[in-house]
Amino acid sequence: MLPKFRYLRPGSLDEAIGLLKDCNESTRILAGGTDLLIGMHEGVHAPARLIDIKGIAQLHTIGFTEDGILIIGACVTVNELIESDATTGPMQAIREAASKLATYQIRNRATVGGNLCNASPACDLGPALLVLDAQLRLVSKQGERLISLKDFFSGVKTTCCEVSEVVTEVVIPPSPGTVSAFLKQGRIRGHDLSVVNAAGAIGHDGDLKLALGAVGTTPLLIDGFDEVGVDDRQKVIDAVLRAIAPIDDVRGSGIYRKRMAEFMTGEILDLLKGRLKQGGS
């Protein structure tokens, strides 16, 4: 049974921001609710107010600007990511991560903003967006700020988002010539949370980026491969193993995660090499 709360459904972003002004930790934003409502059922969360932003039209947009910047509204659903032409080509990792997230029914409700703000270390969209240099736009009564996704996650289930702020969109810079990929390992086939996940991207300039989930307190971006590329397999794997700090939990041991991270890094490098040879398709 859900605890009692006040339900508010603003029709515009300005209205939502007004409701968030001077609010405190007892107010929560509802985007998809696939994690929040479960937490409320289990007594983990007991907000006094829920602000449902799903009805704000401008948060449902997905597409490119004239400058080639990809904008993904916070309330775009995970299935909409999969179905959009915007998540092909350089953005392929986003589509692959979205397709591995939960079940079809949950993906119809779960949103991009909700998935990122939930800030699970095993978040599937996190690594895919990290390797594509994604930023988040946060808006409040005081104004707005654009923050790199790698700086947004601050710990397990925590972010740098203030209680008076709302995430409105994901902003991804132009990436012509980039190839990207995502892989996930769960305990079972289907809707299981990641035991380890990994994403990679190579820019048109040969810049390699990797990101892994469920191997630390946040989804982890690993870069600094200025003099290392996809052909330097062992050097890349060694860099990944130095960066991660997996733990034991009910889904897997730290040792297992370390070995899976090593294996999946190699698999991601092979995928990226193959896509480079195919001309990024």
C-alpha atoms as a PDB file:
ATOM      1  CA  MET A   1       0.000   0.000   0.000  1.00  0.00           C
ATOM      2  CA  LEU A   2       1.295   3.454  -0.893  1.00  0.00           C
ATOM      3  CA  PRO A   3       1.783   6.083   1.820  1.00  0.00           C
ATOM      4  CA  LYS A   4      -0.412   9.169   1.637  1.00  0.00           C
ATOM      5  CA  PHE A   5       0.917  12.001  -0.536  1.00  0.00           C
ATOM      6  CA  ARG A   6      -0.260  15.034  -2.456  1.00  0.00           C
ATOM      7  CA  TYR A   7      -0.283  14.496  -6.224  1.00  0.00           C
ATOM      8  CA  LEU A   8       0.446  17.485  -8.478  1.00  0.00           C
ATOM      9  CA  ARG A   9       0.475  17.427 -12.283  1.00  0.00           C
ATOM     10  CA  PRO A  10       1.789  20.688 -13.797  1.00  0.00           C
ATOM     11  CA  GLY A  11       0.921  21.412 -17.415  1.00  0.00           C
ATOM     12  CA  SER A  12       4.034  23.448 -18.181  1.00  0.00           C
ATOM     13  CA  LEU A  13       7.681  23.609 -17.210  1.00  0.00           C
ATOM     14  CA  ASP A  14       7.200  27.036 -15.633  1.00  0.00           C
ATOM     15  CA  GLU A  15       4.441  25.632 -13.439  1.00  0.00           C
ATOM     16  CA  ALA A  16       6.615  22.693 -12.398  1.00  0.00           C
ATOM     17  CA  ILE A  17       9.519  24.981 -11.524  1.00  0.00           C
ATOM     18  CA  GLY A  18       7.174  27.138  -9.480  1.00  0.00           C
ATOM     19  CA  LEU A  19       6.041  24.110  -7.512  1.00  0.00           C
ATOM     20  CA  LEU A  20       9.665  23.163  -6.832  1.00  0.00           C
ATOM     21  CA  LYS A  21      10.596  26.584  -5.492  1.00  0.00           C
ATOM     22  CA  ASP A  22      11.426  26.412  -1.783  1.00  0.00           C
ATOM     23  CA  CYS A  23      10.540  22.703  -1.664  1.00  0.00           C
ATOM     24  CA  ASN A  24      12.406  20.209   0.494  1.00  0.00           C
ATOM     25  CA  GLU A  25      13.376  16.538   0.451  1.00  0.00           C
ATOM     26  CA  SER A  26       9.753  15.499   1.039  1.00  0.00           C
ATOM     27  CA  THR A  27       8.937  16.430  -2.572  1.00  0.00           C
ATOM     28  CA  ARG A  28       9.788  14.011  -5.380  1.00  0.00           C
ATOM     29  CA  ILE A  29       9.481  14.375  -9.140  1.00  0.00           C
ATOM     30  CA  LEU A  30       7.577  11.622 -10.923  1.00  0.00           C
ATOM     31  CA  ALA A  31       8.652  10.994 -14.517  1.00  0.00           C
ATOM     32  CA  GLY A  32       8.161   7.306 -15.236  1.00  0.00           C
ATOM     33  CA  GLY A  33       7.785   6.073 -11.663  1.00  0.00           C
ATOM     34  CA  THR A  34       9.072   2.568 -12.377  1.00  0.00           C
ATOM     35  CA  ASP A  35      11.594   2.821  -9.520  1.00  0.00           C
ATOM     36  CA  LEU A  36      10.028   5.513  -7.342  1.00  0.00           C
ATOM     37  CA  LEU A  37       6.636   3.815  -6.949  1.00  0.00           C
ATOM     38  CA  ILE A  38       8.254   0.490  -6.085  1.00  0.00           C
ATOM     39  CA  GLY A  39      10.315   2.282  -3.443  1.00  0.00           C
ATOM     40  CA  MET A  40       7.159   3.850  -2.049  1.00  0.00           C
ATOM     41  CA  HIS A  41       5.439   0.443  -1.900  1.00  0.00           C
ATOM     42  CA  GLU A  42       8.445  -0.945  -0.030  1.00  0.00           C
ATOM     43  CA  GLY A  43       8.654   1.982   2.377  1.00  0.00           C
ATOM     44  CA  VAL A  44      11.999   3.221   1.037  1.00  0.00           C
ATOM     45  CA  HIS A  45      10.437   6.506  -0.085  1.00  0.00           C
ATOM     46  CA  ALA A  46       7.611   8.385   1.613  1.00  0.00           C
ATOM     47  CA  PRO A  47       7.276  11.763  -0.151  1.00  0.00           C
ATOM     48  CA  ALA A  48       4.686  14.250   1.033  1.00  0.00           C
ATOM     49  CA  ARG A  49       4.272  15.549  -2.532  1.00  0.00           C
ATOM     50  CA  LEU A  50       4.691  13.992  -5.976  1.00  0.00           C
ATOM     51  CA  ILE A  51       5.105  16.340  -8.927  1.00  0.00           C
ATOM     52  CA  ASP A  52       4.221  14.436 -12.097  1.00  0.00           C
ATOM     53  CA  ILE A  53       6.025  16.050 -15.054  1.00  0.00           C
ATOM     54  CA  LYS A  54       4.849  13.520 -17.618  1.00  0.00           C
ATOM     55  CA  GLY A  55       2.236  15.931 -18.989  1.00  0.00           C
ATOM     56  CA  ILE A  56       4.759  18.630 -19.971  1.00  0.00           C
ATOM     57  CA  ALA A  57       4.896  18.476 -23.773  1.00  0.00           C
ATOM     58  CA  GLN A  58       8.338  20.009 -24.244  1.00  0.00           C
ATOM     59  CA  LEU A  59       9.935  17.221 -22.195  1.00  0.00           C
ATOM     60  CA  HIS A  60       8.862  14.615 -24.777  1.00  0.00           C
ATOM     61  CA  THR A  61      10.928  15.836 -27.745  1.00  0.00           C
ATOM     62  CA  ILE A  62      13.753  13.860 -29.379  1.00  0.00           C
ATOM     63  CA  GLY A  63      15.703  14.981 -32.405  1.00  0.00           C
ATOM     64  CA  PHE A  64      18.623  16.967 -33.780  1.00  0.00           C
ATOM     65  CA  THR A  65      19.048  20.719 -33.870  1.00  0.00           C
ATOM     66  CA  GLU A  66      20.295  22.484 -36.994  1.00  0.00           C
ATOM     67  CA  ASP A  67      23.793  22.280 -35.485  1.00  0.00           C
ATOM     68  CA  GLY A  68      23.599  18.483 -35.174  1.00  0.00           C
ATOM     69  CA  ILE A  69      23.102  18.440 -31.404  1.00  0.00           C
ATOM     70  CA  LEU A  70      20.873  15.610 -30.228  1.00  0.00           C
ATOM     71  CA  ILE A  71      18.234  16.690 -27.709  1.00  0.00           C
ATOM     72  CA  ILE A  72      16.401  14.009 -25.730  1.00  0.00           C
ATOM     73  CA  GLY A  73      13.629  15.277 -23.472  1.00  0.00           C
ATOM     74  CA  ALA A  74      13.608  13.975 -19.909  1.00  0.00           C
ATOM     75  CA  CYS A  75      10.184  12.355 -20.387  1.00  0.00           C
ATOM     76  CA  VAL A  76      11.050  10.504 -23.584  1.00  0.00           C
ATOM     77  CA  THR A  77      10.346   6.854 -22.833  1.00  0.00           C
ATOM     78  CA  VAL A  78      12.906   4.114 -23.252  1.00  0.00           C
ATOM     79  CA  ASN A  79      10.859   2.504 -26.029  1.00  0.00           C
ATOM     80  CA  GLU A  80      10.763   5.845 -27.842  1.00  0.00           C
ATOM     81  CA  LEU A  81      14.558   5.831 -27.766  1.00  0.00           C
ATOM     82  CA  ILE A  82      14.558   2.449 -29.448  1.00  0.00           C
ATOM     83  CA  GLU A  83      12.049   3.502 -32.094  1.00  0.00           C
ATOM     84  CA  SER A  84      13.670   6.844 -32.960  1.00  0.00           C
ATOM     85  CA  ASP A  85      15.850   7.317 -36.039  1.00  0.00           C
ATOM     86  CA  ALA A  86      18.006   9.580 -33.864  1.00  0.00           C
ATOM     87  CA  THR A  87      19.511   6.569 -32.054  1.00  0.00           C
ATOM     88  CA  THR A  88      21.094   5.028 -35.144  1.00  0.00           C
ATOM     89  CA  GLY A  89      24.572   5.556 -36.587  1.00  0.00           C
ATOM     90  CA  PRO A  90      26.843   7.300 -34.061  1.00  0.00           C
ATOM     91  CA  MET A  91      24.161   6.985 -31.364  1.00  0.00           C
ATOM     92  CA  GLN A  92      23.765   3.205 -31.746  1.00  0.00           C
ATOM     93  CA  ALA A  93      24.937   2.574 -28.170  1.00  0.00           C
ATOM     94  CA  ILE A  94      21.879   4.421 -26.852  1.00  0.00           C
ATOM     95  CA  ARG A  95      19.490   2.175 -28.780  1.00  0.00           C
ATOM     96  CA  GLU A  96      21.349  -0.959 -27.692  1.00  0.00           C
ATOM     97  CA  ALA A  97      21.302   0.093 -24.031  1.00  0.00           C
ATOM     98  CA  ALA A  98      17.624   1.012 -24.189  1.00  0.00           C
ATOM     99  CA  SER A  99      16.707  -2.340 -25.739  1.00  0.00           C
ATOM    100  CA  LYS A 100      18.379  -4.177 -22.836  1.00  0.00           C
ATOM    101  CA  LEU A 101      16.556  -2.212 -20.148  1.00  0.00           C
ATOM    102  CA  ALA A 102      13.842  -4.136 -18.285  1.00  0.00           C
ATOM    103  CA  THR A 103      10.789  -5.403 -20.188  1.00  0.00           C
ATOM    104  CA  TYR A 104       8.788  -3.945 -23.066  1.00  0.00           C
ATOM    105  CA  GLN A 105       5.982  -2.936 -20.709  1.00  0.00           C
ATOM    106  CA  ILE A 106       8.323  -1.145 -18.313  1.00  0.00           C
ATOM    107  CA  ARG A 107      10.113   0.574 -21.207  1.00  0.00           C
ATOM    108  CA  ASN A 108       6.741   2.006 -22.258  1.00  0.00           C
ATOM    109  CA  ARG A 109       6.633   3.879 -18.946  1.00  0.00           C
ATOM    110  CA  ALA A 110      10.268   4.353 -17.917  1.00  0.00           C
ATOM    111  CA  THR A 111      11.812   7.644 -19.010  1.00  0.00           C
ATOM    112  CA  VAL A 112      15.311   8.789 -19.838  1.00  0.00           C
ATOM    113  CA  GLY A 113      15.292  11.413 -17.098  1.00  0.00           C
ATOM    114  CA  GLY A 114      13.923   9.006 -14.528  1.00  0.00           C
ATOM    115  CA  ASN A 115      16.501   6.350 -15.349  1.00  0.00           C
ATOM    116  CA  LEU A 116      19.384   8.791 -14.979  1.00  0.00           C
ATOM    117  CA  CYS A 117      18.045  10.542 -11.868  1.00  0.00           C
ATOM    118  CA  ASN A 118      17.545   7.190 -10.162  1.00  0.00           C
ATOM    119  CA  ALA A 119      21.357   6.996 -10.394  1.00  0.00           C
ATOM    120  CA  SER A 120      21.719   3.265  -9.991  1.00  0.00           C
ATOM    121  CA  PRO A 121      25.341   2.125 -10.379  1.00  0.00           C
ATOM    122  CA  ALA A 122      23.912  -0.534 -12.744  1.00  0.00           C
ATOM    123  CA  CYS A 123      22.032   2.030 -14.846  1.00  0.00           C
ATOM    124  CA  ASP A 124      21.977   0.859 -18.491  1.00  0.00           C
ATOM    125  CA  LEU A 125      21.576   4.236 -20.193  1.00  0.00           C
ATOM    126  CA  GLY A 126      24.372   5.809 -18.145  1.00  0.00           C
ATOM    127  CA  PRO A 127      27.406   4.184 -19.828  1.00  0.00           C
ATOM    128  CA  ALA A 128      25.957   4.610 -23.330  1.00  0.00           C
ATOM    129  CA  LEU A 129      25.414   8.328 -22.760  1.00  0.00           C
ATOM    130  CA  LEU A 130      28.736   8.824 -20.977  1.00  0.00           C
ATOM    131  CA  VAL A 131      30.811   7.680 -23.962  1.00  0.00           C
ATOM    132  CA  LEU A 132      28.881  10.119 -26.169  1.00  0.00           C
ATOM    133  CA  ASP A 133      29.779  13.087 -23.935  1.00  0.00           C
ATOM    134  CA  ALA A 134      26.180  13.661 -22.868  1.00  0.00           C
ATOM    135  CA  GLN A 135      25.197  16.627 -20.744  1.00  0.00           C
ATOM    136  CA  LEU A 136      22.053  17.279 -18.733  1.00  0.00           C
ATOM    137  CA  ARG A 137      20.117  20.528 -18.610  1.00  0.00           C
ATOM    138  CA  LEU A 138      18.884  21.339 -15.072  1.00  0.00           C
ATOM    139  CA  VAL A 139      16.348  24.110 -14.613  1.00  0.00           C
ATOM    140  CA  SER A 140      15.133  25.904 -11.481  1.00  0.00           C
ATOM    141  CA  LYS A 141      13.618  29.240 -10.500  1.00  0.00           C
ATOM    142  CA  GLN A 142      17.159  30.617 -10.286  1.00  0.00           C
ATOM    143  CA  GLY A 143      17.950  29.727 -13.907  1.00  0.00           C
ATOM    144  CA  GLU A 144      19.466  26.756 -15.662  1.00  0.00           C
ATOM    145  CA  ARG A 145      22.779  24.960 -15.900  1.00  0.00           C
ATOM    146  CA  LEU A 146      24.288  22.416 -18.246  1.00  0.00           C
ATOM    147  CA  ILE A 147      26.305  19.712 -16.521  1.00  0.00           C
ATOM    148  CA  SER A 148      28.287  16.789 -17.912  1.00  0.00           C
ATOM    149  CA  LEU A 149      26.696  13.449 -17.128  1.00  0.00           C
ATOM    150  CA  LYS A 150      29.985  12.246 -15.650  1.00  0.00           C
ATOM    151  CA  ASP A 151      29.679  15.005 -13.029  1.00  0.00           C
ATOM    152  CA  PHE A 152      25.953  14.426 -12.452  1.00  0.00           C
ATOM    153  CA  PHE A 153      26.301  11.097 -10.631  1.00  0.00           C
ATOM    154  CA  SER A 154      27.652  11.680  -7.121  1.00  0.00           C
ATOM    155  CA  GLY A 155      27.198   8.268  -5.484  1.00  0.00           C
ATOM    156  CA  VAL A 156      24.906   5.283  -5.141  1.00  0.00           C
ATOM    157  CA  LYS A 157      21.401   6.543  -5.995  1.00  0.00           C
ATOM    158  CA  THR A 158      22.542  10.165  -5.547  1.00  0.00           C
ATOM    159  CA  THR A 159      23.162  13.030  -7.969  1.00  0.00           C
ATOM    160  CA  CYS A 160      24.168  16.677  -7.879  1.00  0.00           C
ATOM    161  CA  CYS A 161      20.608  17.733  -8.771  1.00  0.00           C
ATOM    162  CA  GLU A 162      19.202  20.128  -6.167  1.00  0.00           C
ATOM    163  CA  VAL A 163      15.683  19.559  -4.811  1.00  0.00           C
ATOM    164  CA  SER A 164      14.530  22.770  -6.508  1.00  0.00           C
ATOM    165  CA  GLU A 165      15.842  21.659  -9.911  1.00  0.00           C
ATOM    166  CA  VAL A 166      14.321  19.504 -12.620  1.00  0.00           C
ATOM    167  CA  VAL A 167      16.247  17.706 -15.355  1.00  0.00           C
ATOM    168  CA  THR A 168      14.665  18.791 -18.629  1.00  0.00           C
ATOM    169  CA  GLU A 169      16.794  17.209 -21.344  1.00  0.00           C
ATOM    170  CA  VAL A 170      19.860  15.253 -22.354  1.00  0.00           C
ATOM    171  CA  VAL A 171      22.165  17.149 -24.706  1.00  0.00           C
ATOM    172  CA  ILE A 172      24.620  15.225 -26.895  1.00  0.00           C
ATOM    173  CA  PRO A 173      27.133  17.091 -29.073  1.00  0.00           C
ATOM    174  CA  PRO A 174      27.504  16.369 -32.805  1.00  0.00           C
ATOM    175  CA  SER A 175      29.442  13.180 -33.451  1.00  0.00           C
ATOM    176  CA  PRO A 176      29.877  12.623 -37.213  1.00  0.00           C
ATOM    177  CA  GLY A 177      32.020   9.596 -37.954  1.00  0.00           C
ATOM    178  CA  THR A 178      31.650   8.195 -34.444  1.00  0.00           C
ATOM    179  CA  VAL A 179      30.876   4.530 -33.821  1.00  0.00           C
ATOM    180  CA  SER A 180      29.491   3.307 -30.516  1.00  0.00           C
ATOM    181  CA  ALA A 181      28.356   0.066 -28.890  1.00  0.00           C
ATOM    182  CA  PHE A 182      26.816  -1.295 -25.673  1.00  0.00           C
ATOM    183  CA  LEU A 183      26.820  -4.721 -24.008  1.00  0.00           C
ATOM    184  CA  LYS A 184      25.111  -6.023 -20.889  1.00  0.00           C
ATOM    185  CA  GLN A 185      25.564  -9.085 -18.701  1.00  0.00           C
ATOM    186  CA  GLY A 186      22.725 -10.037 -16.350  1.00  0.00           C
ATOM    187  CA  ARG A 187      22.094 -13.125 -14.290  1.00  0.00           C
ATOM    188  CA  ILE A 188      19.254 -14.266 -16.521  1.00  0.00           C
ATOM    189  CA  ARG A 189      17.960 -13.526 -19.993  1.00  0.00           C
ATOM    190  CA  GLY A 190      15.332 -10.799 -20.029  1.00  0.00           C
ATOM    191  CA  HIS A 191      14.639  -8.035 -17.565  1.00  0.00           C
ATOM    192  CA  ASP A 192      17.378  -8.555 -14.967  1.00  0.00           C
ATOM    193  CA  LEU A 193      19.496  -5.673 -13.717  1.00  0.00           C
ATOM    194  CA  SER A 194      23.052  -5.549 -15.016  1.00  0.00           C
ATOM    195  CA  VAL A 195      25.730  -7.517 -13.234  1.00  0.00           C
ATOM    196  CA  VAL A 196      28.102  -5.578 -15.473  1.00  0.00           C
ATOM    197  CA  ASN A 197      27.432  -3.409 -18.500  1.00  0.00           C
ATOM    198  CA  ALA A 198      29.806  -1.615 -20.836  1.00  0.00           C
ATOM    199  CA  ALA A 199      29.717   0.945 -23.616  1.00  0.00           C
ATOM    200  CA  GLY A 200      32.350   2.275 -25.965  1.00  0.00           C
ATOM    201  CA  ALA A 201      32.751   4.937 -28.626  1.00  0.00           C
ATOM    202  CA  ILE A 202      35.438   5.995 -31.070  1.00  0.00           C
ATOM    203  CA  GLY A 203      35.245   9.495 -32.484  1.00  0.00           C
ATOM    204  CA  HIS A 204      36.183  10.536 -35.995  1.00  0.00           C
ATOM    205  CA  ASP A 205      39.563  11.606 -34.582  1.00  0.00           C
ATOM    206  CA  GLY A 206      40.201   8.137 -33.169  1.00  0.00           C
ATOM    207  CA  ASP A 207      39.476   9.181 -29.580  1.00  0.00           C
ATOM    208  CA  LEU A 208      38.419   6.106 -27.576  1.00  0.00           C
ATOM    209  CA  LYS A 209      36.027   6.279 -24.629  1.00  0.00           C
ATOM    210  CA  LEU A 210      34.727   3.422 -22.490  1.00  0.00           C
ATOM    211  CA  ALA A 211      32.166   3.394 -19.677  1.00  0.00           C
ATOM    212  CA  LEU A 212      31.068   0.593 -17.371  1.00  0.00           C
ATOM    213  CA  GLY A 213      28.198   0.120 -14.957  1.00  0.00           C
ATOM    214  CA  ALA A 214      27.866  -1.950 -11.755  1.00  0.00           C
ATOM    215  CA  VAL A 215      31.624  -1.841 -11.128  1.00  0.00           C
ATOM    216  CA  GLY A 216      31.673   1.146  -8.767  1.00  0.00           C
ATOM    217  CA  THR A 217      29.441   3.522  -6.865  1.00  0.00           C
ATOM    218  CA  THR A 218      28.344   5.230 -10.117  1.00  0.00           C
ATOM    219  CA  PRO A 219      28.397   4.456 -13.825  1.00  0.00           C
ATOM    220  CA  LEU A 220      32.069   5.029 -14.605  1.00  0.00           C
ATOM    221  CA  LEU A 221      33.593   6.832 -17.598  1.00  0.00           C
ATOM    222  CA  ILE A 222      37.107   5.747 -18.487  1.00  0.00           C
ATOM    223  CA  ASP A 223      38.975   7.956 -20.916  1.00  0.00           C
ATOM    224  CA  GLY A 224      42.547   9.166 -21.249  1.00  0.00           C
ATOM    225  CA  PHE A 225      43.283   6.787 -24.121  1.00  0.00           C
ATOM    226  CA  ASP A 226      45.099   9.500 -26.093  1.00  0.00           C
ATOM    227  CA  GLU A 227      47.888   7.179 -27.193  1.00  0.00           C
ATOM    228  CA  VAL A 228      45.917   3.946 -26.938  1.00  0.00           C
ATOM    229  CA  GLY A 229      43.392   2.629 -29.454  1.00  0.00           C
ATOM    230  CA  VAL A 230      41.218  -0.374 -30.182  1.00  0.00           C
ATOM    231  CA  ASP A 231      44.245  -2.375 -31.356  1.00  0.00           C
ATOM    232  CA  ASP A 232      45.977  -1.937 -27.988  1.00  0.00           C
ATOM    233  CA  ARG A 233      43.674  -4.491 -26.416  1.00  0.00           C
ATOM    234  CA  GLN A 234      45.653  -5.380 -23.306  1.00  0.00           C
ATOM    235  CA  LYS A 235      46.570  -1.768 -22.511  1.00  0.00           C
ATOM    236  CA  VAL A 236      42.891  -0.801 -22.668  1.00  0.00           C
ATOM    237  CA  ILE A 237      41.841  -3.750 -20.505  1.00  0.00           C
ATOM    238  CA  ASP A 238      44.558  -2.939 -17.955  1.00  0.00           C
ATOM    239  CA  ALA A 239      43.337   0.670 -17.766  1.00  0.00           C
ATOM    240  CA  VAL A 240      39.771  -0.520 -17.155  1.00  0.00           C
ATOM    241  CA  LEU A 241      40.826  -2.937 -14.424  1.00  0.00           C
ATOM    242  CA  ARG A 242      42.758  -0.169 -12.661  1.00  0.00           C
ATOM    243  CA  ALA A 243      39.744   2.137 -12.736  1.00  0.00           C
ATOM    244  CA  ILE A 244      36.981  -0.146 -11.457  1.00  0.00           C
ATOM    245  CA  ALA A 245      36.171  -1.185  -7.882  1.00  0.00           C
ATOM    246  CA  PRO A 246      33.416  -3.838  -8.072  1.00  0.00           C
ATOM    247  CA  ILE A 247      31.722  -5.128  -4.927  1.00  0.00           C
ATOM    248  CA  ASP A 248      30.021  -8.341  -3.853  1.00  0.00           C
ATOM    249  CA  ASP A 249      26.223  -8.282  -3.789  1.00  0.00           C
ATOM    250  CA  VAL A 250      23.257 -10.565  -4.437  1.00  0.00           C
ATOM    251  CA  ARG A 251      23.779 -10.395  -8.207  1.00  0.00           C
ATOM    252  CA  GLY A 252      27.468 -11.248  -8.341  1.00  0.00           C
ATOM    253  CA  SER A 253      30.822 -11.189  -6.606  1.00  0.00           C
ATOM    254  CA  GLY A 254      33.441  -8.524  -7.067  1.00  0.00           C
ATOM    255  CA  ILE A 255      35.808 -11.072  -8.593  1.00  0.00           C
ATOM    256  CA  TYR A 256      33.171 -12.189 -11.108  1.00  0.00           C
ATOM    257  CA  ARG A 257      32.448  -8.580 -12.038  1.00  0.00           C
ATOM    258  CA  LYS A 258      36.146  -7.908 -12.537  1.00  0.00           C
ATOM    259  CA  ARG A 259      36.487 -10.866 -14.890  1.00  0.00           C
ATOM    260  CA  MET A 260      33.314  -9.865 -16.762  1.00  0.00           C
ATOM    261  CA  ALA A 261      34.566  -6.291 -17.087  1.00  0.00           C
ATOM    262  CA  GLU A 262      37.780  -7.628 -18.581  1.00  0.00           C
ATOM    263  CA  PHE A 263      35.889  -9.850 -21.047  1.00  0.00           C
ATOM    264  CA  MET A 264      33.309  -7.230 -22.000  1.00  0.00           C
ATOM    265  CA  THR A 265      35.966  -4.589 -22.614  1.00  0.00           C
ATOM    266  CA  GLY A 266      37.515  -6.882 -25.195  1.00  0.00           C
ATOM    267  CA  GLU A 267      34.111  -7.544 -26.738  1.00  0.00           C
ATOM    268  CA  ILE A 268      33.344  -3.824 -26.962  1.00  0.00           C
ATOM    269  CA  LEU A 269      36.701  -3.190 -28.673  1.00  0.00           C
ATOM    270  CA  ASP A 270      35.910  -5.917 -31.221  1.00  0.00           C
ATOM    271  CA  LEU A 271      32.477  -4.417 -31.887  1.00  0.00           C
ATOM    272  CA  LEU A 272      33.933  -0.956 -32.384  1.00  0.00           C
ATOM    273  CA  LYS A 273      36.622  -2.262 -34.736  1.00  0.00           C
ATOM    274  CA  GLY A 274      33.992  -4.087 -36.772  1.00  0.00           C
ATOM    275  CA  ARG A 275      31.789  -1.005 -37.030  1.00  0.00           C
ATOM    276  CA  LEU A 276      34.745   1.148 -38.069  1.00  0.00           C
ATOM    277  CA  LYS A 277      35.437  -1.282 -40.922  1.00  0.00           C
ATOM    278  CA  GLN A 278      31.773  -1.096 -41.936  1.00  0.00           C
ATOM    279  CA  GLY A 279      31.992   2.676 -42.172  1.00  0.00           C
ATOM    280  CA  GLY A 280      30.079   3.337 -38.941  1.00  0.00           C
ATOM    281  CA  SER A 281      26.902   1.502 -39.914  1.00  0.00           C
END
